[in-house]
């Protein structure tokens, strides 16, 4: 039996967002797809690798106001895309 350790219930969605990776020497904007979201975080599908602890700034979106988030976990699918768990900070 698998127990979900999340404190907030996630809602499935498909929503494209733009984000900036904190700490890069450039302010390049990346895109990703939000697969699910809760009050405390979201799951992002992206082609840009994000390491645990990395912070991103989500650009102002209709469904998500500008927010900052930190990577809590990540998984690669043959280096084609990355599934990333983000916690809002």
PDB file of N, CA and C in Angstrom:
ATOM      1  N   UNK A   1       0.840  -1.177   0.000  1.00  0.00           N
ATOM      2  CA  UNK A   1       0.000   0.000   0.000  1.00  0.00           C
ATOM      3  C   UNK A   1       0.888   1.243   0.000  1.00  0.00           C
ATOM      4  N   UNK A   2       0.563   2.226  -0.847  1.00  0.00           N
ATOM      5  CA  UNK A   2       1.324   3.465  -0.948  1.00  0.00           C
ATOM      6  C   UNK A   2       0.542   4.583  -0.275  1.00  0.00           C
ATOM      7  N   UNK A   3       1.223   5.335   0.578  1.00  0.00           N
ATOM      8  CA  UNK A   3       0.594   6.448   1.266  1.00  0.00           C
ATOM      9  C   UNK A   3       1.073   7.754   0.656  1.00  0.00           C
ATOM     10  N   UNK A   4       0.149   8.666   0.385  1.00  0.00           N
ATOM     11  CA  UNK A   4       0.492   9.974  -0.136  1.00  0.00           C
ATOM     12  C   UNK A   4       0.903  10.854   1.036  1.00  0.00           C
ATOM     13  N   UNK A   5       2.115  11.394   0.987  1.00  0.00           N
ATOM     14  CA  UNK A   5       2.638  12.191   2.087  1.00  0.00           C
ATOM     15  C   UNK A   5       2.359  13.684   1.924  1.00  0.00           C
ATOM     16  N   UNK A   6       1.650  14.059   0.889  1.00  0.00           N
ATOM     17  CA  UNK A   6       1.368  15.466   0.659  1.00  0.00           C
ATOM     18  C   UNK A   6       0.383  15.985   1.693  1.00  0.00           C
ATOM     19  N   UNK A   7       0.574  17.252   2.085  1.00  0.00           N
ATOM     20  CA  UNK A   7      -0.342  17.836   3.063  1.00  0.00           C
ATOM     21  C   UNK A   7      -1.591  18.425   2.414  1.00  0.00           C
ATOM     22  N   UNK A   8      -1.500  18.724   1.110  1.00  0.00           N
ATOM     23  CA  UNK A   8      -2.638  19.286   0.387  1.00  0.00           C
ATOM     24  C   UNK A   8      -3.004  18.397  -0.789  1.00  0.00           C
ATOM     25  N   UNK A   9      -4.295  18.308  -1.076  1.00  0.00           N
ATOM     26  CA  UNK A   9      -4.760  17.480  -2.189  1.00  0.00           C
ATOM     27  C   UNK A   9      -4.386  18.135  -3.519  1.00  0.00           C
ATOM     28  N   UNK A  10      -3.863  17.337  -4.438  1.00  0.00           N
ATOM     29  CA  UNK A  10      -3.499  17.822  -5.769  1.00  0.00           C
ATOM     30  C   UNK A  10      -4.691  17.703  -6.712  1.00  0.00           C
ATOM     31  N   UNK A  11      -4.776  18.674  -7.622  1.00  0.00           N
ATOM     32  CA  UNK A  11      -5.812  18.665  -8.651  1.00  0.00           C
ATOM     33  C   UNK A  11      -5.128  18.524 -10.000  1.00  0.00           C
ATOM     34  N   UNK A  12      -5.536  17.528 -10.789  1.00  0.00           N
ATOM     35  CA  UNK A  12      -4.969  17.332 -12.123  1.00  0.00           C
ATOM     36  C   UNK A  12      -5.340  18.502 -13.019  1.00  0.00           C
ATOM     37  N   UNK A  13      -4.409  18.885 -13.889  1.00  0.00           N
ATOM     38  CA  UNK A  13      -4.627  19.986 -14.805  1.00  0.00           C
ATOM     39  C   UNK A  13      -3.630  19.860 -15.957  1.00  0.00           C
ATOM     40  N   UNK A  14      -3.848  20.557 -16.999  1.00  0.00           N
ATOM     41  CA  UNK A  14      -2.879  20.718 -18.080  1.00  0.00           C
ATOM     42  C   UNK A  14      -2.834  22.216 -18.349  1.00  0.00           C
ATOM     43  N   UNK A  15      -1.726  22.841 -17.977  1.00  0.00           N
ATOM     44  CA  UNK A  15      -1.622  24.288 -18.068  1.00  0.00           C
ATOM     45  C   UNK A  15      -0.172  24.657 -18.376  1.00  0.00           C
ATOM     46  N   UNK A  16       0.059  25.413 -19.425  1.00  0.00           N
ATOM     47  CA  UNK A  16       1.407  25.839 -19.789  1.00  0.00           C
ATOM     48  C   UNK A  16       1.784  27.081 -18.981  1.00  0.00           C
ATOM     49  N   UNK A  17       2.996  27.070 -18.418  1.00  0.00           N
ATOM     50  CA  UNK A  17       3.503  28.233 -17.691  1.00  0.00           C
ATOM     51  C   UNK A  17       4.876  28.606 -18.236  1.00  0.00           C
ATOM     52  N   UNK A  18       5.287  29.814 -17.934  1.00  0.00           N
ATOM     53  CA  UNK A  18       6.637  30.272 -18.208  1.00  0.00           C
ATOM     54  C   UNK A  18       7.307  30.516 -16.865  1.00  0.00           C
ATOM     55  N   UNK A  19       8.617  30.214 -16.797  1.00  0.00           N
ATOM     56  CA  UNK A  19       9.341  30.408 -15.552  1.00  0.00           C
ATOM     57  C   UNK A  19      10.778  30.821 -15.825  1.00  0.00           C
ATOM     58  N   UNK A  20      11.392  31.418 -14.816  1.00  0.00           N
ATOM     59  CA  UNK A  20      12.785  31.828 -14.854  1.00  0.00           C
ATOM     60  C   UNK A  20      13.504  31.057 -13.761  1.00  0.00           C
ATOM     61  N   UNK A  21      14.682  30.533 -14.066  1.00  0.00           N
ATOM     62  CA  UNK A  21      15.473  29.789 -13.082  1.00  0.00           C
ATOM     63  C   UNK A  21      16.344  30.770 -12.319  1.00  0.00           C
ATOM     64  N   UNK A  22      16.181  30.829 -10.988  1.00  0.00           N
ATOM     65  CA  UNK A  22      17.006  31.699 -10.154  1.00  0.00           C
ATOM     66  C   UNK A  22      18.460  31.234 -10.204  1.00  0.00           C
ATOM     67  N   UNK A  23      19.365  32.181 -10.215  1.00  0.00           N
ATOM     68  CA  UNK A  23      20.780  31.847 -10.160  1.00  0.00           C
ATOM     69  C   UNK A  23      21.452  31.709 -11.510  1.00  0.00           C
ATOM     70  N   UNK A  24      20.692  31.688 -12.597  1.00  0.00           N
ATOM     71  CA  UNK A  24      21.311  31.649 -13.923  1.00  0.00           C
ATOM     72  C   UNK A  24      21.842  33.039 -14.246  1.00  0.00           C
ATOM     73  N   UNK A  25      22.912  33.101 -15.022  1.00  0.00           N
ATOM     74  CA  UNK A  25      23.484  34.394 -15.388  1.00  0.00           C
ATOM     75  C   UNK A  25      22.640  35.126 -16.428  1.00  0.00           C
ATOM     76  N   UNK A  26      21.647  34.467 -16.941  1.00  0.00           N
ATOM     77  CA  UNK A  26      20.743  35.054 -17.930  1.00  0.00           C
ATOM     78  C   UNK A  26      19.319  34.997 -17.383  1.00  0.00           C
ATOM     79  N   UNK A  27      18.471  35.839 -17.890  1.00  0.00           N
ATOM     80  CA  UNK A  27      17.062  35.813 -17.448  1.00  0.00           C
ATOM     81  C   UNK A  27      16.210  35.093 -18.480  1.00  0.00           C
ATOM     82  N   UNK A  28      16.784  34.046 -19.080  1.00  0.00           N
ATOM     83  CA  UNK A  28      16.066  33.259 -20.082  1.00  0.00           C
ATOM     84  C   UNK A  28      14.778  32.683 -19.500  1.00  0.00           C
ATOM     85  N   UNK A  29      13.739  32.722 -20.289  1.00  0.00           N
ATOM     86  CA  UNK A  29      12.447  32.185 -19.880  1.00  0.00           C
ATOM     87  C   UNK A  29      12.274  30.785 -20.448  1.00  0.00           C
ATOM     88  N   UNK A  30      11.791  29.878 -19.618  1.00  0.00           N
ATOM     89  CA  UNK A  30      11.530  28.496 -20.008  1.00  0.00           C
ATOM     90  C   UNK A  30      10.033  28.246 -19.927  1.00  0.00           C
ATOM     91  N   UNK A  31       9.575  27.214 -20.641  1.00  0.00           N
ATOM     92  CA  UNK A  31       8.173  26.810 -20.571  1.00  0.00           C
ATOM     93  C   UNK A  31       8.068  25.414 -19.991  1.00  0.00           C
ATOM     94  N   UNK A  32       6.954  25.166 -19.333  1.00  0.00           N
ATOM     95  CA  UNK A  32       6.666  23.846 -18.801  1.00  0.00           C
ATOM     96  C   UNK A  32       5.167  23.636 -18.742  1.00  0.00           C
ATOM     97  N   UNK A  33       4.780  22.415 -18.507  1.00  0.00           N
ATOM     98  CA  UNK A  33       3.362  22.071 -18.394  1.00  0.00           C
ATOM     99  C   UNK A  33       3.079  21.640 -16.962  1.00  0.00           C
ATOM    100  N   UNK A  34       2.127  22.276 -16.339  1.00  0.00           N
ATOM    101  CA  UNK A  34       1.696  21.895 -14.997  1.00  0.00           C
ATOM    102  C   UNK A  34       0.791  20.681 -15.138  1.00  0.00           C
ATOM    103  N   UNK A  35       1.172  19.569 -14.498  1.00  0.00           N
ATOM    104  CA  UNK A  35       0.393  18.329 -14.566  1.00  0.00           C
ATOM    105  C   UNK A  35      -0.620  18.235 -13.437  1.00  0.00           C
ATOM    106  N   UNK A  36      -0.250  18.768 -12.267  1.00  0.00           N
ATOM    107  CA  UNK A  36      -1.185  18.852 -11.147  1.00  0.00           C
ATOM    108  C   UNK A  36      -0.730  19.963 -10.221  1.00  0.00           C
ATOM    109  N   UNK A  37      -1.650  20.434  -9.388  1.00  0.00           N
ATOM    110  CA  UNK A  37      -1.361  21.582  -8.536  1.00  0.00           C
ATOM    111  C   UNK A  37      -2.125  21.465  -7.228  1.00  0.00           C
ATOM    112  N   UNK A  38      -1.573  22.050  -6.181  1.00  0.00           N
ATOM    113  CA  UNK A  38      -2.253  22.138  -4.887  1.00  0.00           C
ATOM    114  C   UNK A  38      -1.947  23.507  -4.305  1.00  0.00           C
ATOM    115  N   UNK A  39      -2.418  23.761  -3.099  1.00  0.00           N
ATOM    116  CA  UNK A  39      -2.133  25.032  -2.441  1.00  0.00           C
ATOM    117  C   UNK A  39      -0.651  25.161  -2.086  1.00  0.00           C
ATOM    118  N   UNK A  40       0.068  24.044  -1.973  1.00  0.00           N
ATOM    119  CA  UNK A  40       1.459  24.103  -1.536  1.00  0.00           C
ATOM    120  C   UNK A  40       2.484  23.824  -2.636  1.00  0.00           C
ATOM    121  N   UNK A  41       2.039  23.384  -3.829  1.00  0.00           N
ATOM    122  CA  UNK A  41       3.023  23.104  -4.871  1.00  0.00           C
ATOM    123  C   UNK A  41       2.394  22.587  -6.142  1.00  0.00           C
ATOM    124  N   UNK A  42       3.267  22.132  -7.049  1.00  0.00           N
ATOM    125  CA  UNK A  42       2.786  21.616  -8.326  1.00  0.00           C
ATOM    126  C   UNK A  42       3.775  20.626  -8.906  1.00  0.00           C
ATOM    127  N   UNK A  43       3.312  19.880  -9.899  1.00  0.00           N
ATOM    128  CA  UNK A  43       4.151  18.967 -10.654  1.00  0.00           C
ATOM    129  C   UNK A  43       4.321  19.568 -12.041  1.00  0.00           C
ATOM    130  N   UNK A  44       5.585  19.759 -12.446  1.00  0.00           N
ATOM    131  CA  UNK A  44       5.908  20.415 -13.706  1.00  0.00           C
ATOM    132  C   UNK A  44       6.592  19.446 -14.654  1.00  0.00           C
ATOM    133  N   UNK A  45       6.157  19.433 -15.906  1.00  0.00           N
ATOM    134  CA  UNK A  45       6.826  18.689 -16.968  1.00  0.00           C
ATOM    135  C   UNK A  45       7.582  19.712 -17.799  1.00  0.00           C
ATOM    136  N   UNK A  46       8.893  19.499 -17.983  1.00  0.00           N
ATOM    137  CA  UNK A  46       9.727  20.466 -18.672  1.00  0.00           C
ATOM    138  C   UNK A  46      10.862  19.770 -19.410  1.00  0.00           C
ATOM    139  N   UNK A  47      11.419  20.433 -20.394  1.00  0.00           N
ATOM    140  CA  UNK A  47      12.578  19.883 -21.101  1.00  0.00           C
ATOM    141  C   UNK A  47      13.884  20.401 -20.504  1.00  0.00           C
ATOM    142  N   UNK A  48      13.799  21.324 -19.543  1.00  0.00           N
ATOM    143  CA  UNK A  48      14.982  21.876 -18.892  1.00  0.00           C
ATOM    144  C   UNK A  48      15.230  21.135 -17.578  1.00  0.00           C
ATOM    145  N   UNK A  49      16.430  20.584 -17.369  1.00  0.00           N
ATOM    146  CA  UNK A  49      16.689  19.846 -16.130  1.00  0.00           C
ATOM    147  C   UNK A  49      16.766  20.781 -14.928  1.00  0.00           C
ATOM    148  N   UNK A  50      16.019  20.469 -13.893  1.00  0.00           N
ATOM    149  CA  UNK A  50      16.017  21.248 -12.653  1.00  0.00           C
ATOM    150  C   UNK A  50      16.452  20.344 -11.508  1.00  0.00           C
ATOM    151  N   UNK A  51      17.501  20.737 -10.811  1.00  0.00           N
ATOM    152  CA  UNK A  51      18.034  19.947  -9.697  1.00  0.00           C
ATOM    153  C   UNK A  51      17.306  20.268  -8.402  1.00  0.00           C
ATOM    154  N   UNK A  52      17.315  19.320  -7.476  1.00  0.00           N
ATOM    155  CA  UNK A  52      16.712  19.535  -6.156  1.00  0.00           C
ATOM    156  C   UNK A  52      17.303  20.790  -5.518  1.00  0.00           C
ATOM    157  N   UNK A  53      16.432  21.594  -4.923  1.00  0.00           N
ATOM    158  CA  UNK A  53      16.856  22.817  -4.253  1.00  0.00           C
ATOM    159  C   UNK A  53      16.842  24.048  -5.144  1.00  0.00           C
ATOM    160  N   UNK A  54      16.800  23.857  -6.454  1.00  0.00           N
ATOM    161  CA  UNK A  54      16.754  24.993  -7.380  1.00  0.00           C
ATOM    162  C   UNK A  54      15.460  25.770  -7.178  1.00  0.00           C
ATOM    163  N   UNK A  55      15.572  27.082  -7.228  1.00  0.00           N
ATOM    164  CA  UNK A  55      14.379  27.922  -7.128  1.00  0.00           C
ATOM    165  C   UNK A  55      14.040  28.479  -8.494  1.00  0.00           C
ATOM    166  N   UNK A  56      12.745  28.570  -8.737  1.00  0.00           N
ATOM    167  CA  UNK A  56      12.274  29.179  -9.979  1.00  0.00           C
ATOM    168  C   UNK A  56      11.278  30.276  -9.642  1.00  0.00           C
ATOM    169  N   UNK A  57      11.135  31.207 -10.568  1.00  0.00           N
ATOM    170  CA  UNK A  57      10.120  32.250 -10.456  1.00  0.00           C
ATOM    171  C   UNK A  57       9.119  32.022 -11.577  1.00  0.00           C
ATOM    172  N   UNK A  58       7.888  31.736 -11.207  1.00  0.00           N
ATOM    173  CA  UNK A  58       6.826  31.524 -12.185  1.00  0.00           C
ATOM    174  C   UNK A  58       6.328  32.892 -12.618  1.00  0.00           C
ATOM    175  N   UNK A  59       6.349  33.120 -13.926  1.00  0.00           N
ATOM    176  CA  UNK A  59       5.886  34.401 -14.439  1.00  0.00           C
ATOM    177  C   UNK A  59       4.378  34.502 -14.265  1.00  0.00           C
ATOM    178  N   UNK A  60       3.894  35.728 -14.198  1.00  0.00           N
ATOM    179  CA  UNK A  60       2.477  35.971 -13.968  1.00  0.00           C
ATOM    180  C   UNK A  60       1.636  35.232 -15.000  1.00  0.00           C
ATOM    181  N   UNK A  61       0.757  34.392 -14.520  1.00  0.00           N
ATOM    182  CA  UNK A  61      -0.125  33.598 -15.355  1.00  0.00           C
ATOM    183  C   UNK A  61      -1.556  33.832 -14.891  1.00  0.00           C
ATOM    184  N   UNK A  62      -2.502  33.540 -15.744  1.00  0.00           N
ATOM    185  CA  UNK A  62      -3.906  33.734 -15.385  1.00  0.00           C
ATOM    186  C   UNK A  62      -4.277  32.897 -14.162  1.00  0.00           C
ATOM    187  N   UNK A  63      -3.851  31.636 -14.146  1.00  0.00           N
ATOM    188  CA  UNK A  63      -4.235  30.746 -13.043  1.00  0.00           C
ATOM    189  C   UNK A  63      -3.270  30.804 -11.870  1.00  0.00           C
ATOM    190  N   UNK A  64      -2.037  31.219 -12.131  1.00  0.00           N
ATOM    191  CA  UNK A  64      -1.027  31.303 -11.075  1.00  0.00           C
ATOM    192  C   UNK A  64      -0.454  32.709 -11.060  1.00  0.00           C
ATOM    193  N   UNK A  65      -0.646  33.435  -9.985  1.00  0.00           N
ATOM    194  CA  UNK A  65       0.017  34.724  -9.878  1.00  0.00           C
ATOM    195  C   UNK A  65       1.515  34.475  -9.827  1.00  0.00           C
ATOM    196  N   UNK A  66       2.307  35.507 -10.071  1.00  0.00           N
ATOM    197  CA  UNK A  66       3.756  35.345  -9.990  1.00  0.00           C
ATOM    198  C   UNK A  66       4.091  34.727  -8.633  1.00  0.00           C
ATOM    199  N   UNK A  67       4.823  33.625  -8.672  1.00  0.00           N
ATOM    200  CA  UNK A  67       5.161  32.914  -7.442  1.00  0.00           C
ATOM    201  C   UNK A  67       6.557  32.362  -7.559  1.00  0.00           C
ATOM    202  N   UNK A  68       7.156  32.092  -6.426  1.00  0.00           N
ATOM    203  CA  UNK A  68       8.433  31.406  -6.387  1.00  0.00           C
ATOM    204  C   UNK A  68       8.193  29.992  -5.885  1.00  0.00           C
ATOM    205  N   UNK A  69       9.026  29.073  -6.369  1.00  0.00           N
ATOM    206  CA  UNK A  69       8.894  27.678  -5.965  1.00  0.00           C
ATOM    207  C   UNK A  69      10.283  27.058  -5.923  1.00  0.00           C
ATOM    208  N   UNK A  70      10.430  26.013  -5.124  1.00  0.00           N
ATOM    209  CA  UNK A  70      11.699  25.292  -5.004  1.00  0.00           C
ATOM    210  C   UNK A  70      11.493  23.839  -5.407  1.00  0.00           C
ATOM    211  N   UNK A  71      12.472  23.292  -6.110  1.00  0.00           N
ATOM    212  CA  UNK A  71      12.415  21.894  -6.545  1.00  0.00           C
ATOM    213  C   UNK A  71      12.609  20.988  -5.337  1.00  0.00           C
ATOM    214  N   UNK A  72      11.682  20.068  -5.125  1.00  0.00           N
ATOM    215  CA  UNK A  72      11.764  19.098  -4.022  1.00  0.00           C
ATOM    216  C   UNK A  72      12.145  17.716  -4.520  1.00  0.00           C
ATOM    217  N   UNK A  73      11.804  17.388  -5.759  1.00  0.00           N
ATOM    218  CA  UNK A  73      12.196  16.117  -6.367  1.00  0.00           C
ATOM    219  C   UNK A  73      12.153  16.265  -7.886  1.00  0.00           C
ATOM    220  N   UNK A  74      12.882  15.384  -8.563  1.00  0.00           N
ATOM    221  CA  UNK A  74      12.868  15.408 -10.022  1.00  0.00           C
ATOM    222  C   UNK A  74      13.114  14.007 -10.551  1.00  0.00           C
ATOM    223  N   UNK A  75      12.597  13.755 -11.733  1.00  0.00           N
ATOM    224  CA  UNK A  75      12.774  12.464 -12.399  1.00  0.00           C
ATOM    225  C   UNK A  75      12.928  12.726 -13.891  1.00  0.00           C
ATOM    226  N   UNK A  76      13.836  11.983 -14.525  1.00  0.00           N
ATOM    227  CA  UNK A  76      14.097  12.150 -15.948  1.00  0.00           C
ATOM    228  C   UNK A  76      13.464  11.004 -16.726  1.00  0.00           C
ATOM    229  N   UNK A  77      12.934  11.324 -17.894  1.00  0.00           N
ATOM    230  CA  UNK A  77      12.417  10.305 -18.792  1.00  0.00           C
ATOM    231  C   UNK A  77      13.342  10.264 -20.004  1.00  0.00           C
ATOM    232  N   UNK A  78      14.398   9.463 -19.891  1.00  0.00           N
ATOM    233  CA  UNK A  78      15.397   9.298 -20.961  1.00  0.00           C
ATOM    234  C   UNK A  78      15.968  10.626 -21.432  1.00  0.00           C
ATOM    235  N   UNK A  79      16.060  11.591 -20.530  1.00  0.00           N
ATOM    236  CA  UNK A  79      16.573  12.930 -20.831  1.00  0.00           C
ATOM    237  C   UNK A  79      15.798  13.641 -21.942  1.00  0.00           C
ATOM    238  N   UNK A  80      14.579  13.180 -22.210  1.00  0.00           N
ATOM    239  CA  UNK A  80      13.713  13.859 -23.179  1.00  0.00           C
ATOM    240  C   UNK A  80      12.903  14.958 -22.501  1.00  0.00           C
ATOM    241  N   UNK A  81      12.438  14.644 -21.295  1.00  0.00           N
ATOM    242  CA  UNK A  81      11.754  15.637 -20.489  1.00  0.00           C
ATOM    243  C   UNK A  81      11.923  15.264 -19.027  1.00  0.00           C
ATOM    244  N   UNK A  82      11.598  16.204 -18.167  1.00  0.00           N
ATOM    245  CA  UNK A  82      11.768  16.026 -16.721  1.00  0.00           C
ATOM    246  C   UNK A  82      10.440  16.264 -16.025  1.00  0.00           C
ATOM    247  N   UNK A  83      10.185  15.459 -15.032  1.00  0.00           N
ATOM    248  CA  UNK A  83       9.007  15.607 -14.179  1.00  0.00           C
ATOM    249  C   UNK A  83       9.541  16.130 -12.854  1.00  0.00           C
ATOM    250  N   UNK A  84       9.044  17.289 -12.432  1.00  0.00           N
ATOM    251  CA  UNK A  84       9.625  17.997 -11.300  1.00  0.00           C
ATOM    252  C   UNK A  84       8.547  18.337 -10.278  1.00  0.00           C
ATOM    253  N   UNK A  85       8.815  18.022  -9.020  1.00  0.00           N
ATOM    254  CA  UNK A  85       7.928  18.406  -7.923  1.00  0.00           C
ATOM    255  C   UNK A  85       8.393  19.706  -7.332  1.00  0.00           C
ATOM    256  N   UNK A  86       7.521  20.707  -7.325  1.00  0.00           N
ATOM    257  CA  UNK A  86       7.856  22.035  -6.814  1.00  0.00           C
ATOM    258  C   UNK A  86       7.003  22.385  -5.603  1.00  0.00           C
ATOM    259  N   UNK A  87       7.640  23.020  -4.627  1.00  0.00           N
ATOM    260  CA  UNK A  87       6.931  23.512  -3.444  1.00  0.00           C
ATOM    261  C   UNK A  87       6.967  25.034  -3.487  1.00  0.00           C
ATOM    262  N   UNK A  88       5.801  25.671  -3.324  1.00  0.00           N
ATOM    263  CA  UNK A  88       5.761  27.124  -3.299  1.00  0.00           C
ATOM    264  C   UNK A  88       6.503  27.637  -2.074  1.00  0.00           C
ATOM    265  N   UNK A  89       7.261  28.712  -2.269  1.00  0.00           N
ATOM    266  CA  UNK A  89       8.009  29.322  -1.148  1.00  0.00           C
ATOM    267  C   UNK A  89       7.663  30.781  -1.021  1.00  0.00           C
TER     268      UNK A  89
END
